[in-house]
PDB file of N, CA and C in Angstrom:
ATOM      1  N   MET A   1     -40.997 -37.807 -37.897  1.00  0.00           N
ATOM      2  CA  MET A   1     -41.659 -36.745 -37.162  1.00  0.00           C
ATOM      3  C   MET A   1     -41.308 -36.895 -35.684  1.00  0.00           C
ATOM      4  N   THR A   2     -40.970 -35.804 -35.062  1.00  0.00           N
ATOM      5  CA  THR A   2     -40.674 -35.825 -33.635  1.00  0.00           C
ATOM      6  C   THR A   2     -41.939 -35.485 -32.856  1.00  0.00           C
ATOM      7  N   VAL A   3     -41.865 -35.658 -31.568  1.00  0.00           N
ATOM      8  CA  VAL A   3     -43.005 -35.307 -30.720  1.00  0.00           C
ATOM      9  C   VAL A   3     -43.331 -33.825 -30.874  1.00  0.00           C
ATOM     10  N   GLN A   4     -42.300 -32.985 -31.005  1.00  0.00           N
ATOM     11  CA  GLN A   4     -42.523 -31.545 -31.149  1.00  0.00           C
ATOM     12  C   GLN A   4     -43.269 -31.210 -32.434  1.00  0.00           C
ATOM     13  N   ASP A   5     -43.147 -32.046 -33.466  1.00  0.00           N
ATOM     14  CA  ASP A   5     -43.810 -31.799 -34.744  1.00  0.00           C
ATOM     15  C   ASP A   5     -45.235 -32.329 -34.783  1.00  0.00           C
ATOM     16  N   SER A   6     -45.652 -32.999 -33.741  1.00  0.00           N
ATOM     17  CA  SER A   6     -46.964 -33.628 -33.714  1.00  0.00           C
ATOM     18  C   SER A   6     -48.073 -32.596 -33.893  1.00  0.00           C
ATOM     19  N   PRO A   7     -48.984 -32.824 -34.856  1.00  0.00           N
ATOM     20  CA  PRO A   7     -50.091 -31.880 -35.031  1.00  0.00           C
ATOM     21  C   PRO A   7     -50.991 -31.820 -33.797  1.00  0.00           C
ATOM     22  N   ILE A   8     -51.115 -32.933 -33.096  1.00  0.00           N
ATOM     23  CA  ILE A   8     -51.953 -32.955 -31.893  1.00  0.00           C
ATOM     24  C   ILE A   8     -51.326 -32.093 -30.808  1.00  0.00           C
ATOM     25  N   LEU A   9     -50.009 -32.192 -30.635  1.00  0.00           N
ATOM     26  CA  LEU A   9     -49.318 -31.367 -29.646  1.00  0.00           C
ATOM     27  C   LEU A   9     -49.435 -29.891 -30.015  1.00  0.00           C
ATOM     28  N   ALA A  10     -49.256 -29.591 -31.287  1.00  0.00           N
ATOM     29  CA  ALA A  10     -49.373 -28.198 -31.732  1.00  0.00           C
ATOM     30  C   ALA A  10     -50.787 -27.679 -31.477  1.00  0.00           C
ATOM     31  N   GLN A  11     -51.780 -28.511 -31.745  1.00  0.00           N
ATOM     32  CA  GLN A  11     -53.168 -28.112 -31.523  1.00  0.00           C
ATOM     33  C   GLN A  11     -53.415 -27.858 -30.036  1.00  0.00           C
ATOM     34  N   GLU A  12     -52.887 -28.710 -29.181  1.00  0.00           N
ATOM     35  CA  GLU A  12     -53.065 -28.527 -27.739  1.00  0.00           C
ATOM     36  C   GLU A  12     -52.379 -27.246 -27.265  1.00  0.00           C
ATOM     37  N   ARG A  13     -51.209 -26.958 -27.783  1.00  0.00           N
ATOM     38  CA  ARG A  13     -50.519 -25.714 -27.405  1.00  0.00           C
ATOM     39  C   ARG A  13     -51.296 -24.490 -27.865  1.00  0.00           C
ATOM     40  N   ARG A  14     -51.879 -24.550 -29.058  1.00  0.00           N
ATOM     41  CA  ARG A  14     -52.698 -23.432 -29.536  1.00  0.00           C
ATOM     42  C   ARG A  14     -53.909 -23.245 -28.631  1.00  0.00           C
ATOM     43  N   ARG A  15     -54.540 -24.353 -28.260  1.00  0.00           N
ATOM     44  CA  ARG A  15     -55.714 -24.293 -27.384  1.00  0.00           C
ATOM     45  C   ARG A  15     -55.333 -23.671 -26.038  1.00  0.00           C
ATOM     46  N   GLN A  16     -54.191 -24.087 -25.475  1.00  0.00           N
ATOM     47  CA  GLN A  16     -53.745 -23.535 -24.197  1.00  0.00           C
ATOM     48  C   GLN A  16     -53.460 -22.039 -24.312  1.00  0.00           C
ATOM     49  N   ALA A  17     -52.825 -21.631 -25.391  1.00  0.00           N
ATOM     50  CA  ALA A  17     -52.531 -20.211 -25.594  1.00  0.00           C
ATOM     51  C   ALA A  17     -53.821 -19.402 -25.711  1.00  0.00           C
ATOM     52  N   LEU A  18     -54.795 -19.955 -26.412  1.00  0.00           N
ATOM     53  CA  LEU A  18     -56.067 -19.267 -26.578  1.00  0.00           C
ATOM     54  C   LEU A  18     -56.822 -19.180 -25.255  1.00  0.00           C
ATOM     55  N   ASP A  19     -56.810 -20.256 -24.477  1.00  0.00           N
ATOM     56  CA  ASP A  19     -57.454 -20.230 -23.158  1.00  0.00           C
ATOM     57  C   ASP A  19     -56.806 -19.180 -22.263  1.00  0.00           C
ATOM     58  N   HIS A  20     -55.489 -19.084 -22.325  1.00  0.00           N
ATOM     59  CA  HIS A  20     -54.777 -18.074 -21.537  1.00  0.00           C
ATOM     60  C   HIS A  20     -55.180 -16.664 -21.985  1.00  0.00           C
ATOM     61  N   ALA A  21     -55.253 -16.446 -23.287  1.00  0.00           N
ATOM     62  CA  ALA A  21     -55.637 -15.129 -23.807  1.00  0.00           C
ATOM     63  C   ALA A  21     -57.063 -14.775 -23.400  1.00  0.00           C
ATOM     64  N   ARG A  22     -57.969 -15.750 -23.437  1.00  0.00           N
ATOM     65  CA  ARG A  22     -59.353 -15.493 -23.009  1.00  0.00           C
ATOM     66  C   ARG A  22     -59.394 -15.094 -21.538  1.00  0.00           C
ATOM     67  N   HIS A  23     -58.624 -15.799 -20.715  1.00  0.00           N
ATOM     68  CA  HIS A  23     -58.572 -15.497 -19.283  1.00  0.00           C
ATOM     69  C   HIS A  23     -58.037 -14.081 -19.060  1.00  0.00           C
ATOM     70  N   GLU A  24     -56.960 -13.733 -19.746  1.00  0.00           N
ATOM     71  CA  GLU A  24     -56.384 -12.395 -19.607  1.00  0.00           C
ATOM     72  C   GLU A  24     -57.380 -11.324 -20.062  1.00  0.00           C
ATOM     73  N   ALA A  25     -58.109 -11.595 -21.128  1.00  0.00           N
ATOM     74  CA  ALA A  25     -59.101 -10.632 -21.617  1.00  0.00           C
ATOM     75  C   ALA A  25     -60.191 -10.417 -20.573  1.00  0.00           C
ATOM     76  N   ARG A  26     -60.654 -11.511 -19.950  1.00  0.00           N
ATOM     77  CA  ARG A  26     -61.674 -11.377 -18.901  1.00  0.00           C
ATOM     78  C   ARG A  26     -61.155 -10.551 -17.731  1.00  0.00           C
ATOM     79  N   LEU A  27     -59.896 -10.758 -17.349  1.00  0.00           N
ATOM     80  CA  LEU A  27     -59.313  -9.982 -16.252  1.00  0.00           C
ATOM     81  C   LEU A  27     -59.294  -8.492 -16.573  1.00  0.00           C
ATOM     82  N   GLU A  28     -59.147  -8.169 -17.853  1.00  0.00           N
ATOM     83  CA  GLU A  28     -59.120  -6.768 -18.279  1.00  0.00           C
ATOM     84  C   GLU A  28     -60.524  -6.211 -18.526  1.00  0.00           C
ATOM     85  N   GLY A  29     -61.551  -7.034 -18.301  1.00  0.00           N
ATOM     86  CA  GLY A  29     -62.919  -6.586 -18.517  1.00  0.00           C
ATOM     87  C   GLY A  29     -63.348  -6.627 -19.972  1.00  0.00           C
ATOM     88  N   LEU A  30     -62.616  -7.349 -20.800  1.00  0.00           N
ATOM     89  CA  LEU A  30     -62.933  -7.463 -22.222  1.00  0.00           C
ATOM     90  C   LEU A  30     -63.658  -8.774 -22.478  1.00  0.00           C
ATOM     91  N   HIS A  31     -64.272  -8.879 -23.625  1.00  0.00           N
ATOM     92  CA  HIS A  31     -64.883 -10.140 -24.026  1.00  0.00           C
ATOM     93  C   HIS A  31     -64.630 -10.362 -25.511  1.00  0.00           C
ATOM     94  N   ILE A  32     -64.717 -11.621 -25.912  1.00  0.00           N
ATOM     95  CA  ILE A  32     -64.529 -11.981 -27.316  1.00  0.00           C
ATOM     96  C   ILE A  32     -65.904 -12.130 -27.942  1.00  0.00           C
ATOM     97  N   ASP A  33     -66.123 -11.419 -29.023  1.00  0.00           N
ATOM     98  CA  ASP A  33     -67.395 -11.480 -29.725  1.00  0.00           C
ATOM     99  C   ASP A  33     -67.634 -12.914 -30.195  1.00  0.00           C
ATOM    100  N   PRO A  34     -68.810 -13.484 -29.873  1.00  0.00           N
ATOM    101  CA  PRO A  34     -69.096 -14.856 -30.308  1.00  0.00           C
ATOM    102  C   PRO A  34     -68.968 -15.048 -31.818  1.00  0.00           C
ATOM    103  N   ALA A  35     -69.218 -14.011 -32.590  1.00  0.00           N
ATOM    104  CA  ALA A  35     -69.086 -14.117 -34.047  1.00  0.00           C
ATOM    105  C   ALA A  35     -67.636 -14.334 -34.460  1.00  0.00           C
ATOM    106  N   PHE A  36     -66.690 -13.983 -33.608  1.00  0.00           N
ATOM    107  CA  PHE A  36     -65.270 -14.122 -33.922  1.00  0.00           C
ATOM    108  C   PHE A  36     -64.707 -15.471 -33.474  1.00  0.00           C
ATOM    109  N   GLU A  37     -65.453 -16.207 -32.665  1.00  0.00           N
ATOM    110  CA  GLU A  37     -64.964 -17.481 -32.133  1.00  0.00           C
ATOM    111  C   GLU A  37     -64.582 -18.472 -33.235  1.00  0.00           C
ATOM    112  N   GLY A  38     -65.270 -18.444 -34.368  1.00  0.00           N
ATOM    113  CA  GLY A  38     -64.948 -19.354 -35.463  1.00  0.00           C
ATOM    114  C   GLY A  38     -63.527 -19.171 -35.970  1.00  0.00           C
ATOM    115  N   HIS A  39     -63.048 -17.931 -36.001  1.00  0.00           N
ATOM    116  CA  HIS A  39     -61.669 -17.666 -36.415  1.00  0.00           C
ATOM    117  C   HIS A  39     -60.696 -18.259 -35.394  1.00  0.00           C
ATOM    118  N   LEU A  40     -61.035 -18.126 -34.123  1.00  0.00           N
ATOM    119  CA  LEU A  40     -60.163 -18.667 -33.082  1.00  0.00           C
ATOM    120  C   LEU A  40     -60.133 -20.189 -33.139  1.00  0.00           C
ATOM    121  N   ASP A  41     -61.288 -20.794 -33.408  1.00  0.00           N
ATOM    122  CA  ASP A  41     -61.326 -22.248 -33.553  1.00  0.00           C
ATOM    123  C   ASP A  41     -60.489 -22.688 -34.751  1.00  0.00           C
ATOM    124  N   GLY A  42     -60.506 -21.910 -35.825  1.00  0.00           N
ATOM    125  CA  GLY A  42     -59.675 -22.210 -36.993  1.00  0.00           C
ATOM    126  C   GLY A  42     -58.199 -22.180 -36.649  1.00  0.00           C
ATOM    127  N   TYR A  43     -57.821 -21.274 -35.759  1.00  0.00           N
ATOM    128  CA  TYR A  43     -56.424 -21.208 -35.294  1.00  0.00           C
ATOM    129  C   TYR A  43     -56.064 -22.464 -34.510  1.00  0.00           C
ATOM    130  N   VAL A  44     -56.949 -22.881 -33.609  1.00  0.00           N
ATOM    131  CA  VAL A  44     -56.675 -24.077 -32.799  1.00  0.00           C
ATOM    132  C   VAL A  44     -56.525 -25.302 -33.694  1.00  0.00           C
ATOM    133  N   ARG A  45     -57.365 -25.411 -34.727  1.00  0.00           N
ATOM    134  CA  ARG A  45     -57.294 -26.562 -35.638  1.00  0.00           C
ATOM    135  C   ARG A  45     -56.111 -26.476 -36.594  1.00  0.00           C
ATOM    136  N   GLY A  46     -55.421 -25.333 -36.620  1.00  0.00           N
ATOM    137  CA  GLY A  46     -54.278 -25.175 -37.510  1.00  0.00           C
ATOM    138  C   GLY A  46     -54.652 -24.701 -38.899  1.00  0.00           C
ATOM    139  N   GLU A  47     -55.906 -24.287 -39.088  1.00  0.00           N
ATOM    140  CA  GLU A  47     -56.356 -23.805 -40.391  1.00  0.00           C
ATOM    141  C   GLU A  47     -55.938 -22.360 -40.639  1.00  0.00           C
ATOM    142  N   LEU A  48     -55.718 -21.606 -39.562  1.00  0.00           N
ATOM    143  CA  LEU A  48     -55.293 -20.209 -39.658  1.00  0.00           C
ATOM    144  C   LEU A  48     -54.037 -20.013 -38.824  1.00  0.00           C
ATOM    145  N   SER A  49     -53.159 -19.160 -39.301  1.00  0.00           N
ATOM    146  CA  SER A  49     -51.981 -18.817 -38.503  1.00  0.00           C
ATOM    147  C   SER A  49     -52.370 -17.718 -37.512  1.00  0.00           C
ATOM    148  N   ALA A  50     -51.514 -17.480 -36.548  1.00  0.00           N
ATOM    149  CA  ALA A  50     -51.768 -16.402 -35.587  1.00  0.00           C
ATOM    150  C   ALA A  50     -51.848 -15.062 -36.316  1.00  0.00           C
ATOM    151  N   ASP A  51     -50.999 -14.864 -37.324  1.00  0.00           N
ATOM    152  CA  ASP A  51     -51.021 -13.614 -38.093  1.00  0.00           C
ATOM    153  C   ASP A  51     -52.353 -13.429 -38.820  1.00  0.00           C
ATOM    154  N   GLU A  52     -52.892 -14.521 -39.372  1.00  0.00           N
ATOM    155  CA  GLU A  52     -54.180 -14.432 -40.063  1.00  0.00           C
ATOM    156  C   GLU A  52     -55.301 -14.075 -39.094  1.00  0.00           C
ATOM    157  N   VAL A  53     -55.256 -14.636 -37.897  1.00  0.00           N
ATOM    158  CA  VAL A  53     -56.272 -14.321 -36.894  1.00  0.00           C
ATOM    159  C   VAL A  53     -56.179 -12.847 -36.505  1.00  0.00           C
ATOM    160  N   VAL A  54     -54.967 -12.351 -36.309  1.00  0.00           N
ATOM    161  CA  VAL A  54     -54.783 -10.940 -35.952  1.00  0.00           C
ATOM    162  C   VAL A  54     -55.309 -10.040 -37.066  1.00  0.00           C
ATOM    163  N   GLU A  55     -55.027 -10.363 -38.315  1.00  0.00           N
ATOM    164  CA  GLU A  55     -55.520  -9.553 -39.433  1.00  0.00           C
ATOM    165  C   GLU A  55     -57.041  -9.553 -39.475  1.00  0.00           C
ATOM    166  N   ARG A  56     -57.659 -10.694 -39.223  1.00  0.00           N
ATOM    167  CA  ARG A  56     -59.125 -10.751 -39.216  1.00  0.00           C
ATOM    168  C   ARG A  56     -59.691  -9.969 -38.040  1.00  0.00           C
ATOM    169  N   LEU A  57     -58.988  -9.999 -36.925  1.00  0.00           N
ATOM    170  CA  LEU A  57     -59.419  -9.229 -35.758  1.00  0.00           C
ATOM    171  C   LEU A  57     -59.363  -7.732 -36.053  1.00  0.00           C
ATOM    172  N   LYS A  58     -58.323  -7.312 -36.766  1.00  0.00           N
ATOM    173  CA  LYS A  58     -58.177  -5.888 -37.101  1.00  0.00           C
ATOM    174  C   LYS A  58     -59.316  -5.396 -37.985  1.00  0.00           C
ATOM    175  N   THR A  59     -59.839  -6.264 -38.844  1.00  0.00           N
ATOM    176  CA  THR A  59     -60.878  -5.849 -39.784  1.00  0.00           C
ATOM    177  C   THR A  59     -62.283  -6.187 -39.301  1.00  0.00           C
ATOM    178  N   ALA A  60     -62.400  -6.845 -38.154  1.00  0.00           N
ATOM    179  CA  ALA A  60     -63.715  -7.208 -37.625  1.00  0.00           C
ATOM    180  C   ALA A  60     -64.429  -5.962 -37.102  1.00  0.00           C
ATOM    181  N   PRO A  61     -65.751  -5.929 -37.252  1.00  0.00           N
ATOM    182  CA  PRO A  61     -66.480  -4.786 -36.688  1.00  0.00           C
ATOM    183  C   PRO A  61     -66.387  -4.808 -35.166  1.00  0.00           C
ATOM    184  N   LEU A  62     -66.321  -3.637 -34.581  1.00  0.00           N
ATOM    185  CA  LEU A  62     -66.241  -3.547 -33.126  1.00  0.00           C
ATOM    186  C   LEU A  62     -67.619  -3.781 -32.516  1.00  0.00           C
ATOM    187  N   PRO A  63     -67.695  -4.619 -31.484  1.00  0.00           N
ATOM    188  CA  PRO A  63     -68.982  -4.833 -30.824  1.00  0.00           C
ATOM    189  C   PRO A  63     -69.348  -3.610 -29.979  1.00  0.00           C
ATOM    190  N   ALA A  64     -70.619  -3.489 -29.708  1.00  0.00           N
ATOM    191  CA  ALA A  64     -71.065  -2.394 -28.842  1.00  0.00           C
ATOM    192  C   ALA A  64     -70.495  -2.594 -27.443  1.00  0.00           C
ATOM    193  N   ARG A  65     -70.173  -1.507 -26.797  1.00  0.00           N
ATOM    194  CA  ARG A  65     -69.631  -1.591 -25.431  1.00  0.00           C
ATOM    195  C   ARG A  65     -70.732  -2.009 -24.469  1.00  0.00           C
ATOM    196  N   ARG A  66     -70.328  -2.763 -23.478  1.00  0.00           N
ATOM    197  CA  ARG A  66     -71.274  -3.129 -22.422  1.00  0.00           C
ATOM    198  C   ARG A  66     -71.444  -1.940 -21.487  1.00  0.00           C
ATOM    199  N   PRO A  67     -72.656  -1.769 -20.966  1.00  0.00           N
ATOM    200  CA  PRO A  67     -72.863  -0.655 -20.020  1.00  0.00           C
ATOM    201  C   PRO A  67     -72.132  -0.878 -18.715  1.00  0.00           C
TER     202      PRO A  67
END
């Protein structure tokens, strides 16, 4: 196994990508529904692929808009 194949490194990269996406969403005035956070955590742990997270996001109920 190389350093690039390390599950810990992959997990850290997923976490960094998710943190970046959260930051970008906040800049756009969006928020992530707390009920959906479990799916994102599954992605960071490597239990879900990015495609699986996107599919779950597509089928998730839309939260009410903030005033």
